[in-house]
Amino acid sequence: MDIVIDQVRRGDLADPWEAHAIISSLYNWRDVARRSEAVYDGIVDAVTLTDSQRMRRYLKIGRIVGPLFCLVLGLARIIMWMCERLVPRHVRKAFL
């Protein structure tokens, strides 16, 4: 922060419009939109795994990491279950 303040005081900062022009030339917005669409389409077409399928996949990762990931998934599910019990979904939706 001190460096930027010193640059402002000395007038060493680049012109914002010049910086904008440089950044704008780096992006082809049609290409950005095309790539974003491809990502969204991939998400829509993705298969949703059950927890047991996901755990079987995790166990294939390795002798330590696989069971560790299964443990994390199990704990996350328990925490989500507890949160759901404490504040049910219909109550949360009322506040949104």
N, C-alpha and C. Protein backbone atom coordinates (compact mmCIF):
# COMPACT_ATOMS: atom_id res chain seq x y z
N MET A 1 0.83 -1.18 0.00
CA MET A 1 0.00 0.00 0.00
C MET A 1 0.88 1.25 0.00
N ASP A 2 1.94 1.21 0.78
CA ASP A 2 2.84 2.37 0.85
C ASP A 2 3.48 2.65 -0.51
N ILE A 3 3.77 1.59 -1.24
CA ILE A 3 4.39 1.76 -2.56
C ILE A 3 3.44 2.49 -3.50
N VAL A 4 2.18 2.11 -3.48
CA VAL A 4 1.19 2.75 -4.36
C VAL A 4 0.98 4.20 -3.96
N ILE A 5 0.92 4.46 -2.66
CA ILE A 5 0.75 5.85 -2.19
C ILE A 5 1.93 6.70 -2.66
N ASP A 6 3.14 6.15 -2.55
CA ASP A 6 4.32 6.88 -3.02
C ASP A 6 4.27 7.13 -4.52
N GLN A 7 3.79 6.14 -5.28
CA GLN A 7 3.68 6.30 -6.73
C GLN A 7 2.66 7.38 -7.09
N VAL A 8 1.56 7.44 -6.35
CA VAL A 8 0.55 8.46 -6.60
C VAL A 8 1.13 9.84 -6.32
N ARG A 9 1.86 9.97 -5.22
CA ARG A 9 2.45 11.26 -4.86
C ARG A 9 3.47 11.72 -5.90
N ARG A 10 4.23 10.79 -6.44
CA ARG A 10 5.24 11.14 -7.44
C ARG A 10 4.67 11.27 -8.85
N GLY A 11 3.44 10.73 -9.03
CA GLY A 11 2.84 10.77 -10.36
C GLY A 11 3.39 9.68 -11.27
N ASP A 12 3.86 8.57 -10.71
CA ASP A 12 4.47 7.49 -11.48
C ASP A 12 3.48 6.44 -11.96
N LEU A 13 2.22 6.57 -11.61
CA LEU A 13 1.25 5.56 -12.01
C LEU A 13 0.93 5.69 -13.49
N ALA A 14 0.64 4.53 -14.10
CA ALA A 14 0.27 4.52 -15.52
C ALA A 14 -1.09 5.16 -15.70
N ASP A 15 -1.31 5.70 -16.87
CA ASP A 15 -2.59 6.30 -17.21
C ASP A 15 -3.65 5.20 -17.22
N PRO A 16 -4.76 5.35 -16.48
CA PRO A 16 -5.77 4.29 -16.42
C PRO A 16 -6.37 3.96 -17.79
N TRP A 17 -6.53 4.97 -18.64
CA TRP A 17 -7.10 4.71 -19.97
C TRP A 17 -6.13 3.92 -20.84
N GLU A 18 -4.85 4.19 -20.67
CA GLU A 18 -3.85 3.43 -21.40
C GLU A 18 -3.83 1.97 -20.93
N ALA A 19 -3.92 1.78 -19.63
CA ALA A 19 -3.97 0.43 -19.08
C ALA A 19 -5.22 -0.30 -19.56
N HIS A 20 -6.35 0.41 -19.61
CA HIS A 20 -7.59 -0.18 -20.11
C HIS A 20 -7.44 -0.62 -21.57
N ALA A 21 -6.81 0.22 -22.37
CA ALA A 21 -6.62 -0.12 -23.78
C ALA A 21 -5.75 -1.37 -23.94
N ILE A 22 -4.72 -1.48 -23.11
CA ILE A 22 -3.85 -2.66 -23.18
C ILE A 22 -4.62 -3.92 -22.79
N ILE A 23 -5.35 -3.85 -21.69
CA ILE A 23 -6.13 -5.01 -21.23
C ILE A 23 -7.19 -5.38 -22.26
N SER A 24 -7.86 -4.39 -22.82
CA SER A 24 -8.91 -4.66 -23.81
C SER A 24 -8.35 -5.37 -25.04
N SER A 25 -7.13 -5.05 -25.39
CA SER A 25 -6.55 -5.69 -26.58
C SER A 25 -6.17 -7.15 -26.31
N LEU A 26 -6.07 -7.53 -25.05
CA LEU A 26 -5.69 -8.91 -24.71
C LEU A 26 -6.85 -9.89 -24.80
N TYR A 27 -8.08 -9.40 -24.80
CA TYR A 27 -9.25 -10.27 -24.78
C TYR A 27 -10.07 -10.13 -26.05
N ASN A 28 -10.47 -11.27 -26.56
CA ASN A 28 -11.45 -11.33 -27.63
C ASN A 28 -12.73 -11.80 -26.95
N TRP A 29 -13.70 -10.91 -26.81
CA TRP A 29 -14.87 -11.22 -26.00
C TRP A 29 -15.73 -12.31 -26.60
N ARG A 30 -15.71 -12.48 -27.91
CA ARG A 30 -16.43 -13.59 -28.52
C ARG A 30 -15.81 -14.92 -28.08
N ASP A 31 -14.47 -14.94 -28.00
CA ASP A 31 -13.78 -16.16 -27.56
C ASP A 31 -14.07 -16.44 -26.08
N VAL A 32 -14.09 -15.40 -25.27
CA VAL A 32 -14.41 -15.56 -23.85
C VAL A 32 -15.82 -16.13 -23.70
N ALA A 33 -16.77 -15.60 -24.46
CA ALA A 33 -18.15 -16.09 -24.39
C ALA A 33 -18.23 -17.54 -24.85
N ARG A 34 -17.50 -17.90 -25.90
CA ARG A 34 -17.52 -19.27 -26.42
C ARG A 34 -16.97 -20.24 -25.38
N ARG A 35 -15.85 -19.87 -24.75
CA ARG A 35 -15.25 -20.74 -23.74
C ARG A 35 -16.15 -20.86 -22.50
N SER A 36 -16.78 -19.75 -22.11
CA SER A 36 -17.69 -19.78 -20.96
C SER A 36 -18.87 -20.69 -21.24
N GLU A 37 -19.41 -20.61 -22.46
CA GLU A 37 -20.52 -21.46 -22.85
C GLU A 37 -20.13 -22.93 -22.80
N ALA A 38 -18.92 -23.24 -23.24
CA ALA A 38 -18.45 -24.63 -23.22
C ALA A 38 -18.37 -25.15 -21.78
N VAL A 39 -17.92 -24.31 -20.86
CA VAL A 39 -17.84 -24.71 -19.45
C VAL A 39 -19.25 -24.94 -18.91
N TYR A 40 -20.18 -24.04 -19.17
CA TYR A 40 -21.54 -24.19 -18.68
C TYR A 40 -22.20 -25.43 -19.26
N ASP A 41 -22.00 -25.68 -20.55
CA ASP A 41 -22.57 -26.87 -21.17
C ASP A 41 -22.00 -28.13 -20.54
N GLY A 42 -20.72 -28.12 -20.22
CA GLY A 42 -20.11 -29.27 -19.56
C GLY A 42 -20.68 -29.52 -18.19
N ILE A 43 -21.00 -28.47 -17.47
CA ILE A 43 -21.58 -28.62 -16.14
C ILE A 43 -22.98 -29.18 -16.22
N VAL A 44 -23.76 -28.70 -17.19
CA VAL A 44 -25.13 -29.17 -17.35
C VAL A 44 -25.14 -30.65 -17.70
N ASP A 45 -24.20 -31.09 -18.53
CA ASP A 45 -24.16 -32.48 -18.98
C ASP A 45 -23.45 -33.40 -18.01
N ALA A 46 -22.86 -32.86 -16.95
CA ALA A 46 -22.09 -33.68 -16.00
C ALA A 46 -23.02 -34.61 -15.23
N VAL A 47 -22.52 -35.80 -14.95
CA VAL A 47 -23.27 -36.80 -14.20
C VAL A 47 -23.07 -36.52 -12.71
N THR A 48 -24.17 -36.52 -11.97
CA THR A 48 -24.10 -36.32 -10.52
C THR A 48 -23.93 -37.68 -9.86
N LEU A 49 -22.86 -37.82 -9.08
CA LEU A 49 -22.58 -39.08 -8.41
C LEU A 49 -23.23 -39.12 -7.03
N THR A 50 -23.60 -40.31 -6.62
CA THR A 50 -24.08 -40.47 -5.24
C THR A 50 -22.86 -40.47 -4.32
N ASP A 51 -23.11 -40.35 -3.04
CA ASP A 51 -21.99 -40.33 -2.09
C ASP A 51 -21.22 -41.66 -2.13
N SER A 52 -21.94 -42.76 -2.25
CA SER A 52 -21.24 -44.06 -2.26
C SER A 52 -20.38 -44.20 -3.52
N GLN A 53 -20.88 -43.72 -4.67
CA GLN A 53 -20.06 -43.75 -5.90
C GLN A 53 -18.84 -42.87 -5.75
N ARG A 54 -19.03 -41.72 -5.16
CA ARG A 54 -17.93 -40.78 -4.96
C ARG A 54 -16.88 -41.39 -4.02
N MET A 55 -17.33 -42.03 -2.95
CA MET A 55 -16.39 -42.64 -2.01
C MET A 55 -15.61 -43.78 -2.65
N ARG A 56 -16.28 -44.60 -3.49
CA ARG A 56 -15.56 -45.66 -4.19
C ARG A 56 -14.47 -45.08 -5.07
N ARG A 57 -14.76 -43.97 -5.72
CA ARG A 57 -13.74 -43.31 -6.55
C ARG A 57 -12.59 -42.79 -5.69
N TYR A 58 -12.94 -42.19 -4.56
CA TYR A 58 -11.90 -41.66 -3.68
C TYR A 58 -10.98 -42.75 -3.18
N LEU A 59 -11.55 -43.92 -2.86
CA LEU A 59 -10.73 -45.02 -2.34
C LEU A 59 -9.71 -45.51 -3.36
N LYS A 60 -9.94 -45.26 -4.63
CA LYS A 60 -9.00 -45.68 -5.68
C LYS A 60 -7.83 -44.70 -5.83
N ILE A 61 -7.91 -43.55 -5.17
CA ILE A 61 -6.87 -42.53 -5.32
C ILE A 61 -5.57 -42.98 -4.68
N GLY A 62 -5.66 -43.54 -3.49
CA GLY A 62 -4.45 -43.96 -2.79
C GLY A 62 -4.78 -44.51 -1.42
N ARG A 63 -3.77 -45.09 -0.79
CA ARG A 63 -3.98 -45.75 0.50
C ARG A 63 -4.24 -44.75 1.62
N ILE A 64 -3.73 -43.55 1.51
CA ILE A 64 -3.91 -42.55 2.57
C ILE A 64 -4.90 -41.47 2.14
N VAL A 65 -4.68 -40.95 0.96
CA VAL A 65 -5.50 -39.83 0.49
C VAL A 65 -6.95 -40.25 0.27
N GLY A 66 -7.18 -41.41 -0.31
CA GLY A 66 -8.54 -41.87 -0.58
C GLY A 66 -9.39 -41.95 0.68
N PRO A 67 -8.94 -42.71 1.70
CA PRO A 67 -9.72 -42.76 2.94
C PRO A 67 -9.85 -41.39 3.61
N LEU A 68 -8.83 -40.55 3.49
CA LEU A 68 -8.90 -39.21 4.06
C LEU A 68 -10.01 -38.40 3.38
N PHE A 69 -10.10 -38.48 2.05
CA PHE A 69 -11.17 -37.78 1.34
C PHE A 69 -12.53 -38.33 1.73
N CYS A 70 -12.63 -39.65 1.92
CA CYS A 70 -13.90 -40.24 2.35
C CYS A 70 -14.28 -39.71 3.73
N LEU A 71 -13.31 -39.59 4.61
CA LEU A 71 -13.56 -39.04 5.93
C LEU A 71 -14.06 -37.60 5.84
N VAL A 72 -13.43 -36.81 5.00
CA VAL A 72 -13.84 -35.42 4.82
C VAL A 72 -15.26 -35.35 4.27
N LEU A 73 -15.56 -36.19 3.27
CA LEU A 73 -16.91 -36.21 2.70
C LEU A 73 -17.92 -36.60 3.77
N GLY A 74 -17.60 -37.64 4.56
CA GLY A 74 -18.51 -38.06 5.61
C GLY A 74 -18.75 -36.97 6.64
N LEU A 75 -17.68 -36.32 7.07
CA LEU A 75 -17.83 -35.24 8.05
C LEU A 75 -18.64 -34.07 7.47
N ALA A 76 -18.40 -33.76 6.21
CA ALA A 76 -19.16 -32.68 5.57
C ALA A 76 -20.64 -33.01 5.52
N ARG A 77 -20.96 -34.26 5.21
CA ARG A 77 -22.37 -34.67 5.16
C ARG A 77 -23.00 -34.60 6.56
N ILE A 78 -22.26 -35.00 7.59
CA ILE A 78 -22.78 -34.93 8.96
C ILE A 78 -23.03 -33.47 9.35
N ILE A 79 -22.10 -32.60 9.03
CA ILE A 79 -22.25 -31.17 9.34
C ILE A 79 -23.45 -30.60 8.60
N MET A 80 -23.60 -30.95 7.31
CA MET A 80 -24.75 -30.45 6.55
C MET A 80 -26.06 -30.97 7.14
N TRP A 81 -26.07 -32.24 7.57
CA TRP A 81 -27.27 -32.81 8.18
C TRP A 81 -27.62 -32.06 9.46
N MET A 82 -26.58 -31.78 10.28
CA MET A 82 -26.81 -31.05 11.52
C MET A 82 -27.33 -29.64 11.24
N CYS A 83 -26.77 -28.98 10.25
CA CYS A 83 -27.24 -27.63 9.89
C CYS A 83 -28.69 -27.68 9.42
N GLU A 84 -29.02 -28.70 8.65
CA GLU A 84 -30.39 -28.84 8.16
C GLU A 84 -31.35 -29.06 9.33
N ARG A 85 -30.92 -29.82 10.33
CA ARG A 85 -31.76 -30.07 11.49
C ARG A 85 -31.95 -28.79 12.33
N LEU A 86 -30.88 -27.99 12.43
CA LEU A 86 -30.95 -26.77 13.23
C LEU A 86 -31.79 -25.69 12.55
N VAL A 87 -31.56 -25.51 11.26
CA VAL A 87 -32.30 -24.49 10.50
C VAL A 87 -32.80 -25.14 9.21
N PRO A 88 -34.03 -25.65 9.20
CA PRO A 88 -34.56 -26.33 8.03
C PRO A 88 -34.58 -25.43 6.79
N ARG A 89 -34.59 -26.08 5.65
CA ARG A 89 -34.53 -25.38 4.36
C ARG A 89 -35.67 -24.38 4.19
N HIS A 90 -36.88 -24.76 4.59
CA HIS A 90 -38.01 -23.84 4.41
C HIS A 90 -37.84 -22.57 5.25
N VAL A 91 -37.14 -22.68 6.39
CA VAL A 91 -36.88 -21.50 7.21
C VAL A 91 -35.82 -20.63 6.54
N ARG A 92 -34.78 -21.27 6.00
CA ARG A 92 -33.73 -20.50 5.32
C ARG A 92 -34.28 -19.76 4.11
N LYS A 93 -35.16 -20.42 3.36
CA LYS A 93 -35.74 -19.77 2.17
C LYS A 93 -36.59 -18.57 2.53
N ALA A 94 -37.18 -18.60 3.72
CA ALA A 94 -38.00 -17.47 4.16
C ALA A 94 -37.15 -16.22 4.34
N PHE A 95 -35.87 -16.39 4.67
CA PHE A 95 -34.99 -15.25 4.89
C PHE A 95 -34.31 -14.76 3.60
N LEU A 96 -34.41 -15.51 2.55
CA LEU A 96 -33.79 -15.11 1.29
C LEU A 96 -34.73 -14.31 0.51
